[in-house]
Amino acid sequence: MDRQEHLGRLQDGELFDLLVIGGGATGCGIALDAATRGLRVALVERDDFAQGTSSKSTKLVHGGVRYLEKAILKRDKEQFDLVREGLRERGRLLKNAPHLAHGIRLMTPVKSWFQAAYIYIGLVLYDLLAGRLSLGRSRLVGRATAQQLFPQLDLDGYKAAVIYADGQFNDARMAVTLARTAASYGAVCANQVEVTGLVKEQGRIRGAQVRDRLSGKAWTIAAKGVVNATGPFADAIRRMDDPDAPSMLKVSSGIHILLAAGTVPRDLSLMIPSTEDGRVLFMIPWQEHVLFGTTDEPADIAVDPVPEKKDVDYLLRYASAYLRRPVTRADVLAVWNGLRPLVFDPKKRSTQELARTHVLTESPSGLLTMAGGKWTSYRAMAEDAVDAACAAFGLCNGRACVTRELRLIGSRAYYPDAWKDLVVREEIAPALARSLFSLYGDEAAEVLRLGREEGLLAPIHPEHPYIGAEVVFAVRREMAVRLGDVLLRRLPLGLVDMRHAEEAAPAVARIMARELGWDEARYASEVESARRLLAAWYSGKAAAADRRVDAVVEAGLGNQSFSSPEGKGSTVEAL
C-alpha cells in the first residue's frame, strides 16, 4: 500500500488493538512484532520513518565493547546482560536482513603488550558471549602485520593490534523495511502523522488525536492500548498522559562526520577504545566513504539538535592523531547529530555512565512507554513491549513472538551472490546490480521491472548507480512524500555526495511530482529547498570548507540539516 491507502485505513474508524507512536527503530519493531502475532496495529510517525535518531547512528550492529569492559570492572550485571543480549540480537539482525546488514572487521592498535593482552582477552569473551551467532574469532597481530593491513594508520609507538568482528547496517532503510514488513502482516503505518493528544475513557487511554502534517486533517484513532516509542521525546508523550510525570530519560548528543574515501581500507575499520575523556570512537568504511564518530555529550531534547563546532574539531583532532596525514575540515563531506535516549539513574553522574538498556513502564492510565535501548536490540525491545501490551490490554490470546527467525522484506529469497545472477539475467552493469541488492535485496528485480515499465532505467546522476525507478518505488512502496525522504533516507546519495545530490534533485523531484501530483509551484519549492540544503557542502578549497562547516554548526543540522552558502539555516523539514 502507498501512504494514501494507509491513511484511508487510519481514518475509517477502525478499532485497533494497538496504536504505536513513533516510527523509528523501536516503534517499527513493535509494529512488526504485534502484527505477526495477529494484532490489529496502527503506527504513526510525526516526521519520516527514522528521520530522527534512528537514521543518525554509527551504522554498527554490535553488542557494545565498552559496556563489556564496564561490566567486568564494575561487576555490573545490567551492563553484562546488555552486551550478551546485543550480541545475540546482532546475529539475528544479520540473518534476518542480510541485504541491509553484514559483518565487518575492526582493528584496535595498542601501545603495550599488557594492553594488547587485556583487550584481546576481553574480545575473546565478547566472541564467546555471541555463542553460535558469533561472526568470527578475534586475533592479535604484530605491528608489521597491522601496518600492512591498515597502511593509512600511523602506528609509530604501537606494539601490536587486536582485530575483531562486529556488524554494520543501513539504519534508515532498516527502519522503512521494518515498517513495510509490518504492513505486509496487516499493520497500518503512516509517516507525517502527529499525535496531538491522548484519548481517555473512564481514566484509561483508548487512543489518540492525530493530525496529518501534509494536509492538516485531524481525526481520532481508537485503540485498546497505546505504546509510546518516541525515543528522546518519550517524556513529552508521557506528559500528554500526565502533566506531572517525572522525567525518565537523559539525552546524549552524538556527532558523526563523513570523510572522503581512502581514509581507511575497504575491508577494515578502526576502533579507538578509550580517548582521554573515556569515549569510544569508530572510523568505518560506509557507502564508499568513511564514517567517524561518535561524540558523547549531555544534551537538551530538541527536534533539531545542533552540532557544536568543538565536537567536529574533537573528531578531526583524533582522526589526525591516528592517521598518517592531517584530517581537516576540507575532508568533511557531511556532519550530523543524533540524540541517544538513555534511561536516567540519578545516582550516575554522566551520560557515559548510563547503560544503553531499555526500560518499559506503564502509567496508571495504561500508557506503555518503551524508553532507552539501541538499534541492535530493537527486536528484543519490541518483544518485551508486545508481551507487556498483551498482558495489560488482554490481547494476543497466548500467541508468542515469532520475530527471532523472521526474514524481513527483501531477504526472503536472498542469497549472497544473487546480484551476479541479476547481471546475467537482466543484462545490467555489476555496479547497478550490487547497489540494488544492497538496498532492496530480492526485490531488486521488481525495481528493474518497474524501471522498464516506466522508462526509468537511467541513473538519476551519471556518477552513481541509483536509477529513476528507485524514486518511483520509494513513493509507491516506501511512503516517501518529500524530496529529502528520497535523497537522504530511501537512497544514500545525499550523504555520499552533496554536490551530486543537488544536481540530481530536479530530476528526482520531477519524478516525485508526477507520482504525487505536485503542481509547478510545489515542484519548484522542493528543488529550491534541496539546493539550499545541499549547495553548501561542496567546495574544493579548504577555506571554503572551513566556512561551510562553521555555517552548518551555527545553523544546526537537526534532521540531516545543512546550511545555505550564505550561512542561513535550512532543514530537511523544508523538504
Protein backbone atom coordinates (compact mmCIF):
# COMPACT_ATOMS: atom_id res chain seq x y z
CA MET A 1 0.00 0.00 0.00
CA ASP A 2 1.07 3.59 -0.57
CA ARG A 3 0.70 6.30 2.07
CA GLN A 4 -2.80 7.33 0.97
CA GLU A 5 -4.09 3.78 1.41
CA HIS A 6 -2.61 3.62 4.90
CA LEU A 7 -4.18 6.98 5.77
CA GLY A 8 -7.54 5.76 4.49
CA ARG A 9 -7.48 2.84 6.91
CA LEU A 10 -6.40 5.07 9.79
CA GLN A 11 -9.31 7.41 9.11
CA ASP A 12 -12.13 4.91 8.62
CA GLY A 13 -12.93 4.49 12.32
CA GLU A 14 -11.39 1.03 12.78
CA LEU A 15 -10.71 -0.04 16.38
CA PHE A 16 -7.09 -1.14 16.60
CA ASP A 17 -5.68 -3.47 19.20
CA LEU A 18 -2.52 -1.40 19.48
CA LEU A 19 -1.51 2.12 18.47
CA VAL A 20 2.25 2.64 18.31
CA ILE A 21 3.53 6.22 18.47
CA GLY A 22 6.94 6.61 16.82
CA GLY A 23 8.38 5.33 13.54
CA GLY A 24 12.00 4.80 14.46
CA ALA A 25 13.75 1.55 15.30
CA THR A 26 11.69 0.81 18.40
CA GLY A 27 8.28 1.74 17.05
CA CYS A 28 8.68 -0.09 13.74
CA GLY A 29 9.97 -3.15 15.58
CA ILE A 30 6.96 -3.13 17.91
CA ALA A 31 4.54 -2.79 15.00
CA LEU A 32 6.13 -5.79 13.29
CA ASP A 33 6.10 -7.97 16.40
CA ALA A 34 2.46 -7.14 17.15
CA ALA A 35 1.29 -7.62 13.57
CA THR A 36 2.96 -11.02 13.30
CA ARG A 37 1.01 -12.11 16.39
CA GLY A 38 -2.22 -11.29 14.57
CA LEU A 39 -2.98 -7.98 16.28
CA ARG A 40 -4.62 -5.04 14.51
CA VAL A 41 -1.83 -2.47 14.64
CA ALA A 42 -1.56 1.21 13.75
CA LEU A 43 1.74 3.12 13.74
CA VAL A 44 2.09 6.88 13.33
CA GLU A 45 5.28 8.93 12.93
CA ARG A 46 5.30 12.75 13.04
CA ASP A 47 8.15 13.07 10.50
CA ASP A 48 9.56 10.43 8.17
CA PHE A 49 10.47 6.92 9.25
CA ALA A 50 13.85 7.05 11.04
CA GLN A 51 14.22 10.77 10.31
CA GLY A 52 15.45 11.37 13.84
CA THR A 53 17.84 9.33 15.98
CA SER A 54 17.30 6.07 14.09
CA SER A 55 19.00 7.36 10.92
CA LYS A 56 21.88 9.04 12.76
CA SER A 57 23.60 6.05 14.32
CA THR A 58 27.18 4.87 13.79
CA LYS A 59 25.69 2.24 11.42
CA LEU A 60 27.01 -0.53 13.72
CA VAL A 61 25.19 -3.68 14.81
CA HIS A 62 27.08 -4.57 17.96
CA GLY A 63 26.99 -5.87 21.50
CA GLY A 64 28.93 -2.93 22.90
CA VAL A 65 32.61 -3.47 23.64
CA ARG A 66 32.73 -0.55 26.06
CA TYR A 67 29.82 -1.95 28.08
CA LEU A 68 31.59 -5.29 28.47
CA GLU A 69 34.63 -3.59 29.99
CA LYS A 70 32.45 -1.64 32.40
CA ALA A 71 30.50 -4.78 33.28
CA ILE A 72 33.69 -6.62 34.26
CA LEU A 73 35.47 -3.76 36.04
CA LYS A 74 32.38 -2.66 37.97
CA ARG A 75 30.80 -6.11 38.33
CA ASP A 76 27.70 -4.64 36.72
CA LYS A 77 25.27 -7.42 35.77
CA GLU A 78 22.98 -4.98 33.93
CA GLN A 79 25.74 -4.00 31.52
CA PHE A 80 26.87 -7.62 31.13
CA ASP A 81 23.33 -8.71 30.22
CA LEU A 82 23.09 -5.78 27.81
CA VAL A 83 26.20 -6.99 25.95
CA ARG A 84 25.03 -10.59 25.82
CA GLU A 85 21.61 -9.55 24.53
CA GLY A 86 23.19 -7.21 21.99
CA LEU A 87 25.47 -9.89 20.58
CA ARG A 88 22.62 -12.35 20.17
CA GLU A 89 20.44 -9.70 18.57
CA ARG A 90 23.33 -8.72 16.31
CA GLY A 91 23.41 -12.23 14.91
CA ARG A 92 19.64 -12.30 14.40
CA LEU A 93 19.61 -8.94 12.61
CA LEU A 94 22.34 -10.03 10.22
CA LYS A 95 20.45 -13.26 9.46
CA ASN A 96 17.02 -11.66 9.11
CA ALA A 97 18.09 -8.73 6.90
CA PRO A 98 21.27 -9.89 5.09
CA HIS A 99 20.85 -7.37 2.27
CA LEU A 100 20.97 -4.48 4.76
CA ALA A 101 23.50 -5.82 7.28
CA HIS A 102 26.85 -7.57 7.10
CA GLY A 103 29.88 -8.34 9.21
CA ILE A 104 32.91 -6.05 9.35
CA ARG A 105 36.40 -6.28 10.87
CA LEU A 106 37.68 -3.65 13.28
CA MET A 107 41.27 -3.01 14.36
CA THR A 108 42.42 -1.52 17.67
CA PRO A 109 46.12 -0.54 17.86
CA VAL A 110 47.80 -0.93 21.27
CA LYS A 111 50.95 0.60 22.76
CA SER A 112 51.99 -2.18 25.14
CA TRP A 113 51.81 -5.95 25.27
CA PHE A 114 49.94 -5.69 28.57
CA GLN A 115 47.28 -3.56 26.90
CA ALA A 116 47.21 -5.98 23.97
CA ALA A 117 46.59 -8.93 26.28
CA TYR A 118 43.95 -7.00 28.23
CA ILE A 119 41.96 -6.02 25.13
CA TYR A 120 42.43 -9.38 23.43
CA ILE A 121 41.11 -11.34 26.44
CA GLY A 122 38.11 -9.01 26.60
CA LEU A 123 37.35 -9.51 22.93
CA VAL A 124 37.68 -13.30 23.24
CA LEU A 125 34.99 -13.10 25.92
CA TYR A 126 33.00 -10.85 23.58
CA ASP A 127 33.16 -13.57 20.91
CA LEU A 128 32.21 -16.33 23.37
CA LEU A 129 29.15 -14.42 24.56
CA ALA A 130 27.85 -14.39 20.98
CA GLY A 131 27.71 -18.20 21.04
CA ARG A 132 26.57 -19.81 17.81
CA LEU A 133 25.82 -16.35 16.38
CA SER A 134 29.49 -15.34 16.54
CA LEU A 135 30.89 -13.51 13.49
CA GLY A 136 34.38 -14.92 13.88
CA ARG A 137 37.25 -15.05 16.32
CA SER A 138 39.29 -12.07 17.43
CA ARG A 139 43.03 -12.19 16.79
CA LEU A 140 46.18 -10.41 17.91
CA VAL A 141 48.69 -9.25 15.28
CA GLY A 142 52.09 -7.60 15.48
CA ARG A 143 52.83 -4.05 14.42
CA ALA A 144 54.21 -5.01 10.99
CA THR A 145 51.13 -7.04 10.10
CA ALA A 146 48.83 -4.31 11.40
CA GLN A 147 50.61 -1.72 9.24
CA GLN A 148 50.30 -3.93 6.19
CA LEU A 149 46.57 -4.44 6.79
CA PHE A 150 45.91 -0.78 7.58
CA PRO A 151 48.55 1.32 5.74
CA GLN A 152 46.74 4.60 6.45
CA LEU A 153 47.32 4.26 10.21
CA ASP A 154 50.23 5.95 11.93
CA LEU A 155 51.50 3.10 14.10
CA ASP A 156 54.67 4.76 15.39
CA GLY A 157 54.92 3.91 19.08
CA TYR A 158 52.48 0.99 18.87
CA LYS A 159 53.41 -2.62 19.59
CA ALA A 160 50.52 -4.57 18.10
CA ALA A 161 46.83 -4.50 17.21
CA VAL A 162 43.74 -6.53 18.00
CA ILE A 163 41.25 -7.37 15.24
CA TYR A 164 37.66 -8.38 15.98
CA ALA A 165 34.32 -8.71 14.18
CA ASP A 166 31.07 -6.81 14.52
CA GLY A 167 28.23 -5.84 12.21
CA GLN A 168 27.27 -2.88 10.03
CA PHE A 169 23.91 -1.93 8.52
CA ASN A 170 21.89 0.72 6.70
CA ASP A 171 19.84 2.14 9.57
CA ALA A 172 17.41 4.33 7.60
CA ARG A 173 16.49 1.55 5.18
CA MET A 174 16.23 -0.93 8.03
CA ALA A 175 13.50 1.20 9.64
CA VAL A 176 11.42 1.53 6.49
CA THR A 177 11.89 -2.20 5.82
CA LEU A 178 10.54 -3.00 9.29
CA ALA A 179 7.52 -0.76 8.65
CA ARG A 180 6.88 -2.39 5.27
CA THR A 181 7.25 -5.88 6.70
CA ALA A 182 4.78 -4.98 9.44
CA ALA A 183 2.39 -3.69 6.77
CA SER A 184 2.70 -6.98 4.91
CA TYR A 185 1.24 -8.64 8.02
CA GLY A 186 -1.63 -6.15 8.18
CA ALA A 187 -0.23 -3.23 10.18
CA VAL A 188 -1.22 0.29 9.13
CA CYS A 189 1.79 2.63 9.14
CA ALA A 190 1.87 6.31 8.23
CA ASN A 191 4.58 8.95 8.35
CA GLN A 192 3.93 12.70 8.71
CA VAL A 193 1.10 11.96 11.19
CA GLU A 194 1.49 13.75 14.52
CA VAL A 195 -0.13 12.81 17.83
CA THR A 196 -1.68 15.97 19.32
CA GLY A 197 -3.39 14.40 22.35
CA LEU A 198 -4.36 11.14 24.04
CA VAL A 199 -7.96 9.95 24.30
CA LYS A 200 -9.21 8.57 27.62
CA GLU A 201 -12.36 6.74 28.64
CA GLN A 202 -13.04 6.35 32.36
CA GLY A 203 -9.43 7.19 33.12
CA ARG A 204 -7.94 4.67 30.68
CA ILE A 205 -6.19 5.57 27.41
CA ARG A 206 -8.19 4.41 24.44
CA GLY A 207 -6.47 6.04 21.50
CA ALA A 208 -5.07 9.34 20.31
CA GLN A 209 -5.94 12.53 18.46
CA VAL A 210 -3.74 12.91 15.39
CA ARG A 211 -3.11 15.32 12.54
CA ASP A 212 -1.79 14.75 9.03
CA ARG A 213 1.03 17.31 8.80
CA LEU A 214 0.77 17.45 5.00
CA SER A 215 -2.98 18.04 4.60
CA GLY A 216 -3.77 19.46 8.05
CA LYS A 217 -6.64 16.99 8.52
CA ALA A 218 -7.23 15.89 12.14
CA TRP A 219 -9.05 12.83 13.48
CA THR A 220 -9.05 10.28 16.29
CA ILE A 221 -7.55 6.79 16.19
CA ALA A 222 -9.25 4.37 18.58
CA ALA A 223 -7.17 1.60 20.14
CA LYS A 224 -7.36 -0.82 23.05
CA GLY A 225 -3.81 0.08 24.01
CA VAL A 226 -1.17 2.70 23.18
CA VAL A 227 2.61 2.26 23.16
CA ASN A 228 4.91 5.28 23.34
CA ALA A 229 8.06 4.55 21.33
CA THR A 230 9.24 8.07 20.55
CA GLY A 231 12.87 7.82 21.65
CA PRO A 232 14.17 11.12 23.04
CA PHE A 233 10.63 12.52 23.02
CA ALA A 234 9.15 9.77 25.20
CA ASP A 235 8.78 12.08 28.19
CA ALA A 236 6.77 14.56 26.09
CA ILE A 237 4.22 11.87 25.21
CA ARG A 238 4.15 10.72 28.84
CA ARG A 239 3.21 14.26 29.85
CA MET A 240 0.29 14.22 27.43
CA ASP A 241 -0.97 11.46 29.70
CA ASP A 242 0.16 13.00 33.00
CA PRO A 243 1.47 16.60 33.05
CA ASP A 244 3.27 15.87 36.32
CA ALA A 245 5.08 12.73 35.12
CA PRO A 246 8.75 12.88 36.20
CA SER A 247 11.49 12.65 33.58
CA MET A 248 12.84 9.16 32.94
CA LEU A 249 15.43 10.00 30.28
CA LYS A 250 18.72 11.75 29.93
CA VAL A 251 19.80 12.57 26.40
CA SER A 252 23.28 12.27 24.95
CA SER A 253 24.33 14.02 21.76
CA GLY A 254 26.32 12.01 19.21
CA ILE A 255 28.11 13.79 16.36
CA HIS A 256 29.33 11.93 13.26
CA ILE A 257 31.36 13.24 10.36
CA LEU A 258 31.67 11.73 6.90
CA LEU A 259 35.16 11.86 5.42
CA ALA A 260 36.45 11.38 1.89
CA ALA A 261 37.22 7.87 0.67
CA GLY A 262 40.65 6.35 1.23
CA THR A 263 40.96 7.19 4.93
CA VAL A 264 40.56 3.52 5.87
CA PRO A 265 40.84 0.26 3.89
CA ARG A 266 37.67 -1.04 2.26
CA ASP A 267 37.59 -4.14 4.47
CA LEU A 268 38.89 -2.88 7.84
CA SER A 269 37.70 -0.32 10.39
CA LEU A 270 39.36 1.47 13.28
CA MET A 271 38.12 1.27 16.86
CA ILE A 272 39.64 3.69 19.37
CA PRO A 273 38.74 2.06 22.72
CA SER A 274 39.37 5.00 25.03
CA THR A 275 40.02 8.68 24.47
CA GLU A 276 41.39 10.91 27.22
CA ASP A 277 37.83 11.56 28.35
CA GLY A 278 36.72 7.93 28.19
CA ARG A 279 34.89 7.78 24.87
CA VAL A 280 34.95 5.07 22.22
CA LEU A 281 35.40 6.22 18.60
CA PHE A 282 34.90 4.33 15.34
CA MET A 283 36.24 5.02 11.84
CA ILE A 284 34.31 2.80 9.46
CA PRO A 285 34.00 2.40 5.67
CA TRP A 286 30.47 3.40 4.69
CA GLN A 287 28.96 3.93 1.23
CA GLU A 288 32.44 4.16 -0.34
CA HIS A 289 33.42 6.91 2.13
CA VAL A 290 34.40 6.93 5.80
CA LEU A 291 32.17 7.46 8.83
CA PHE A 292 33.86 8.73 12.00
CA GLY A 293 32.31 9.25 15.43
CA THR A 294 30.76 9.50 17.81
CA THR A 295 30.91 12.14 20.50
CA ASP A 296 29.01 11.66 23.74
CA GLU A 297 27.85 14.85 25.44
CA PRO A 298 24.85 15.64 27.65
CA ALA A 299 22.26 17.47 25.56
CA ASP A 300 18.88 19.12 25.71
CA ILE A 301 15.99 17.41 23.94
CA ALA A 302 15.25 19.18 20.67
CA VAL A 303 13.55 18.39 17.38
CA ASP A 304 16.55 19.84 15.57
CA PRO A 305 19.66 19.13 17.67
CA VAL A 306 22.52 21.46 16.87
CA PRO A 307 26.05 20.09 16.40
CA GLU A 308 28.73 22.13 18.09
CA LYS A 309 31.93 23.26 16.42
CA LYS A 310 34.03 21.89 19.29
CA ASP A 311 32.67 18.37 18.66
CA VAL A 312 33.59 18.50 14.97
CA ASP A 313 37.07 19.74 15.91
CA TYR A 314 37.34 16.99 18.54
CA LEU A 315 36.77 14.30 15.91
CA LEU A 316 39.15 15.90 13.42
CA ARG A 317 41.85 16.04 16.08
CA TYR A 318 41.53 12.32 16.82
CA ALA A 319 41.39 11.41 13.14
CA SER A 320 44.62 13.31 12.56
CA ALA A 321 46.29 11.68 15.56
CA TYR A 322 45.67 8.17 14.27
CA LEU A 323 46.22 8.64 10.54
CA ARG A 324 49.36 9.36 8.56
CA ARG A 325 48.12 12.74 7.37
CA PRO A 326 46.25 15.65 8.92
CA VAL A 327 42.47 15.50 8.60
CA THR A 328 40.93 18.94 8.17
CA ARG A 329 37.52 20.37 7.52
CA ALA A 330 38.26 20.19 3.81
CA ASP A 331 37.90 16.40 4.18
CA VAL A 332 34.45 16.63 5.78
CA LEU A 333 31.59 15.76 3.41
CA ALA A 334 28.78 15.78 5.98
CA VAL A 335 28.05 16.19 9.67
CA TRP A 336 25.03 15.00 11.59
CA ASN A 337 23.85 14.92 15.17
CA GLY A 338 21.73 12.24 16.82
CA LEU A 339 20.20 12.19 20.27
CA ARG A 340 20.58 8.97 22.27
CA PRO A 341 17.77 8.34 24.74
CA LEU A 342 19.40 6.98 27.92
CA VAL A 343 17.36 5.76 30.85
CA PHE A 344 18.04 8.10 33.75
CA ASP A 345 19.53 6.90 37.02
CA PRO A 346 20.05 9.86 39.40
CA LYS A 347 22.94 8.01 41.09
CA LYS A 348 25.01 8.15 37.88
CA ARG A 349 26.82 11.38 37.17
CA SER A 350 27.26 11.43 33.38
CA THR A 351 25.62 10.08 30.25
CA GLN A 352 28.74 7.97 29.62
CA GLU A 353 27.92 6.03 32.80
CA LEU A 354 24.40 5.18 31.64
CA ALA A 355 23.82 1.78 30.10
CA ARG A 356 22.01 1.61 26.78
CA THR A 357 19.47 -0.70 28.38
CA HIS A 358 15.77 -0.34 27.76
CA VAL A 359 13.04 0.19 30.33
CA LEU A 360 9.32 -0.46 29.93
CA THR A 361 6.85 1.43 32.10
CA GLU A 362 3.05 1.53 32.39
CA SER A 363 1.23 4.61 33.67
CA PRO A 364 -1.89 4.42 35.87
CA SER A 365 -4.00 5.18 32.79
CA GLY A 366 -2.38 2.39 30.79
CA LEU A 367 0.16 4.19 28.59
CA LEU A 368 3.05 1.83 27.87
CA THR A 369 6.39 3.55 27.29
CA MET A 370 9.46 1.81 25.89
CA ALA A 371 12.49 4.00 26.56
CA GLY A 372 16.25 3.67 26.16
CA GLY A 373 17.91 0.87 24.27
CA LYS A 374 19.84 0.88 20.99
CA TRP A 375 19.33 -0.13 17.36
CA THR A 376 20.93 -3.56 17.74
CA SER A 377 18.40 -4.62 20.37
CA TYR A 378 15.30 -3.24 18.64
CA ARG A 379 13.78 -6.72 18.18
CA ALA A 380 14.20 -7.77 21.81
CA MET A 381 12.76 -4.43 22.93
CA ALA A 382 9.77 -4.97 20.67
CA GLU A 383 9.21 -8.47 22.04
CA ASP A 384 9.22 -7.15 25.62
CA ALA A 385 6.84 -4.31 24.70
CA VAL A 386 4.30 -6.52 22.94
CA ASP A 387 4.44 -9.12 25.73
CA ALA A 388 3.59 -6.32 28.17
CA ALA A 389 0.84 -4.96 25.90
CA CYS A 390 -0.74 -8.39 25.61
CA ALA A 391 -0.84 -8.71 29.38
CA ALA A 392 -2.00 -5.14 30.04
CA PHE A 393 -4.72 -4.93 27.39
CA GLY A 394 -5.88 -8.53 27.18
CA LEU A 395 -4.50 -9.14 23.68
CA CYS A 396 -2.67 -11.94 21.82
CA ASN A 397 -4.59 -14.92 23.28
CA GLY A 398 -1.34 -16.69 24.09
CA ARG A 399 0.31 -16.02 20.72
CA ALA A 400 4.06 -15.81 21.25
CA CYS A 401 6.67 -13.70 19.49
CA VAL A 402 7.85 -15.08 16.13
CA THR A 403 10.38 -12.43 15.06
CA ARG A 404 13.59 -14.15 16.16
CA GLU A 405 13.77 -16.07 12.89
CA LEU A 406 11.54 -13.81 10.77
CA ARG A 407 13.10 -12.78 7.47
CA LEU A 408 12.30 -9.18 6.54
CA ILE A 409 11.08 -7.99 3.16
CA GLY A 410 13.97 -8.17 0.72
CA SER A 411 15.65 -11.13 2.40
CA ARG A 412 13.20 -13.98 1.89
CA ALA A 413 14.79 -15.26 -1.32
CA TYR A 414 18.12 -13.53 -0.85
CA TYR A 415 21.50 -15.21 -1.21
CA PRO A 416 24.91 -13.50 -1.17
CA ASP A 417 25.78 -13.75 -4.87
CA ALA A 418 22.28 -13.18 -6.22
CA TRP A 419 23.37 -9.87 -7.72
CA LYS A 420 25.65 -11.77 -10.11
CA ASP A 421 22.68 -13.74 -11.45
CA LEU A 422 20.82 -10.46 -11.88
CA VAL A 423 23.68 -9.14 -14.03
CA VAL A 424 23.31 -12.09 -16.39
CA ARG A 425 19.52 -12.42 -16.31
CA GLU A 426 18.68 -8.73 -16.64
CA GLU A 427 21.77 -7.71 -18.64
CA ILE A 428 22.70 -4.83 -16.35
CA ALA A 429 26.01 -3.47 -15.07
CA PRO A 430 27.52 -5.11 -11.97
CA ALA A 431 27.59 -1.78 -10.10
CA LEU A 432 23.83 -1.35 -10.58
CA ALA A 433 23.12 -4.94 -9.54
CA ARG A 434 25.21 -4.64 -6.37
CA SER A 435 23.58 -1.33 -5.49
CA LEU A 436 20.04 -2.64 -6.00
CA PHE A 437 20.69 -5.74 -3.91
CA SER A 438 22.25 -3.73 -1.09
CA LEU A 439 19.10 -1.61 -0.84
CA TYR A 440 16.25 -3.94 -1.88
CA GLY A 441 17.55 -7.49 -1.62
CA ASP A 442 15.32 -9.89 -3.51
CA GLU A 443 13.06 -7.02 -4.59
CA ALA A 444 15.81 -5.75 -6.89
CA ALA A 445 14.27 -7.43 -9.93
CA GLU A 446 10.96 -5.75 -9.12
CA VAL A 447 12.63 -2.34 -9.16
CA LEU A 448 14.13 -3.16 -12.57
CA ARG A 449 10.74 -4.30 -13.88
CA LEU A 450 9.24 -1.02 -12.72
CA GLY A 451 12.05 0.82 -14.47
CA ARG A 452 11.33 -0.90 -17.76
CA GLU A 453 7.59 -0.29 -17.49
CA GLU A 454 8.03 3.39 -16.67
CA GLY A 455 11.06 4.04 -18.85
CA LEU A 456 13.14 4.92 -15.79
CA LEU A 457 16.27 2.77 -16.05
CA ALA A 458 18.60 5.73 -16.49
CA PRO A 459 20.67 6.86 -13.49
CA ILE A 460 19.48 9.91 -11.59
CA HIS A 461 23.13 11.02 -11.67
CA PRO A 462 25.77 9.76 -14.13
CA GLU A 463 28.36 9.02 -11.44
CA HIS A 464 26.10 6.90 -9.22
CA PRO A 465 24.18 3.66 -9.79
CA TYR A 466 20.78 4.87 -8.48
CA ILE A 467 18.09 4.86 -11.18
CA GLY A 468 14.81 6.70 -11.64
CA ALA A 469 12.77 3.58 -10.89
CA GLU A 470 14.02 3.69 -7.32
CA VAL A 471 12.33 7.05 -6.84
CA VAL A 472 9.01 5.64 -8.04
CA PHE A 473 9.49 2.60 -5.81
CA ALA A 474 10.18 4.88 -2.83
CA VAL A 475 6.92 6.77 -3.40
CA ARG A 476 4.65 3.83 -4.24
CA ARG A 477 6.04 1.22 -1.89
CA GLU A 478 8.04 3.05 0.80
CA MET A 479 5.83 6.08 1.57
CA ALA A 480 8.34 8.74 0.55
CA VAL A 481 6.48 12.06 0.30
CA ARG A 482 9.25 14.68 0.35
CA LEU A 483 12.38 15.13 -1.68
CA GLY A 484 14.53 14.68 1.42
CA ASP A 485 12.90 11.32 2.11
CA VAL A 486 14.38 10.01 -1.14
CA LEU A 487 17.70 11.85 -1.25
CA LEU A 488 18.67 11.22 2.38
CA ARG A 489 16.93 8.05 3.57
CA ARG A 490 15.47 5.84 0.81
CA LEU A 491 18.70 6.43 -1.17
CA PRO A 492 22.01 7.36 0.49
CA LEU A 493 23.05 9.79 -2.27
CA GLY A 494 22.57 12.88 -0.11
CA LEU A 495 25.03 11.59 2.49
CA VAL A 496 27.52 10.29 -0.06
CA ASP A 497 27.98 13.31 -2.32
CA MET A 498 26.10 16.51 -1.59
CA ARG A 499 27.02 18.17 -4.87
CA HIS A 500 25.78 15.24 -6.91
CA ALA A 501 22.60 15.04 -4.85
CA GLU A 502 21.99 18.74 -5.55
CA GLU A 503 22.50 18.10 -9.25
CA ALA A 504 20.10 15.13 -9.16
CA ALA A 505 17.40 16.96 -7.18
CA PRO A 506 15.46 18.38 -10.16
CA ALA A 507 15.21 15.01 -11.90
CA VAL A 508 14.18 13.25 -8.68
CA ALA A 509 11.63 15.97 -7.88
CA ARG A 510 10.15 15.72 -11.39
CA ILE A 511 9.55 12.00 -10.92
CA MET A 512 8.02 12.61 -7.49
CA ALA A 513 5.85 15.41 -8.88
CA ARG A 514 4.38 13.03 -11.43
CA GLU A 515 3.75 10.37 -8.79
CA LEU A 516 2.36 12.68 -6.10
CA GLY A 517 0.56 15.23 -8.23
CA TRP A 518 2.69 18.24 -7.33
CA ASP A 519 1.99 21.42 -9.26
CA GLU A 520 4.81 23.54 -10.67
CA ALA A 521 4.96 25.72 -7.57
CA ARG A 522 5.38 22.71 -5.29
CA TYR A 523 7.97 21.21 -7.63
CA ALA A 524 9.98 24.42 -7.71
CA SER A 525 9.75 24.76 -3.92
CA GLU A 526 11.06 21.24 -3.39
CA VAL A 527 14.01 21.74 -5.74
CA GLU A 528 14.93 25.11 -4.28
CA SER A 529 14.78 23.71 -0.74
CA ALA A 530 17.05 20.85 -1.78
CA ARG A 531 19.52 23.22 -3.37
CA ARG A 532 19.68 25.35 -0.23
CA LEU A 533 20.28 22.21 1.80
CA LEU A 534 22.96 20.71 -0.37
CA ALA A 535 24.83 23.52 -2.09
CA ALA A 536 26.90 24.46 0.96
CA TRP A 537 28.52 21.05 1.11
CA TYR A 538 30.83 21.02 -1.87
CA SER A 539 33.93 23.06 -2.38
CA GLY A 540 37.48 22.23 -3.39
CA LYS A 541 39.01 24.97 -1.24
CA ALA A 542 39.96 24.36 2.37
CA ALA A 543 38.98 27.89 3.42
CA ALA A 544 35.54 27.45 1.91
CA ALA A 545 35.32 24.06 3.60
CA ASP A 546 36.07 25.71 6.95
CA ARG A 547 33.31 28.22 6.33
CA ARG A 548 30.78 25.59 5.31
CA VAL A 549 31.37 23.51 8.46
CA ASP A 550 31.17 26.66 10.60
CA ALA A 551 27.96 27.65 8.87
CA VAL A 552 26.41 24.22 9.38
CA VAL A 553 27.33 24.23 13.05
CA GLU A 554 25.88 27.70 13.51
CA ALA A 555 22.70 26.92 11.61
CA GLY A 556 22.19 23.46 13.13
CA LEU A 557 21.75 20.20 11.28
CA GLY A 558 18.74 18.80 13.06
CA ASN A 559 17.22 16.08 10.91
CA GLN A 560 20.12 15.88 8.43
CA SER A 561 20.10 19.68 8.05
CA PHE A 562 22.60 21.68 6.06
CA SER A 563 23.16 25.39 5.67
CA SER A 564 22.88 27.53 2.57
CA PRO A 565 26.02 29.06 1.04
CA GLU A 566 25.08 32.35 2.69
CA GLY A 567 25.03 30.63 6.09
CA LYS A 568 21.27 30.78 6.51
CA GLY A 569 19.95 27.60 8.04
CA SER A 570 17.62 25.27 6.22
CA THR A 571 16.48 21.85 7.33
CA VAL A 572 15.15 18.73 5.71
CA GLU A 573 11.84 19.68 7.33
CA ALA A 574 11.54 22.11 4.42
CA LEU A 575 11.61 19.19 2.01
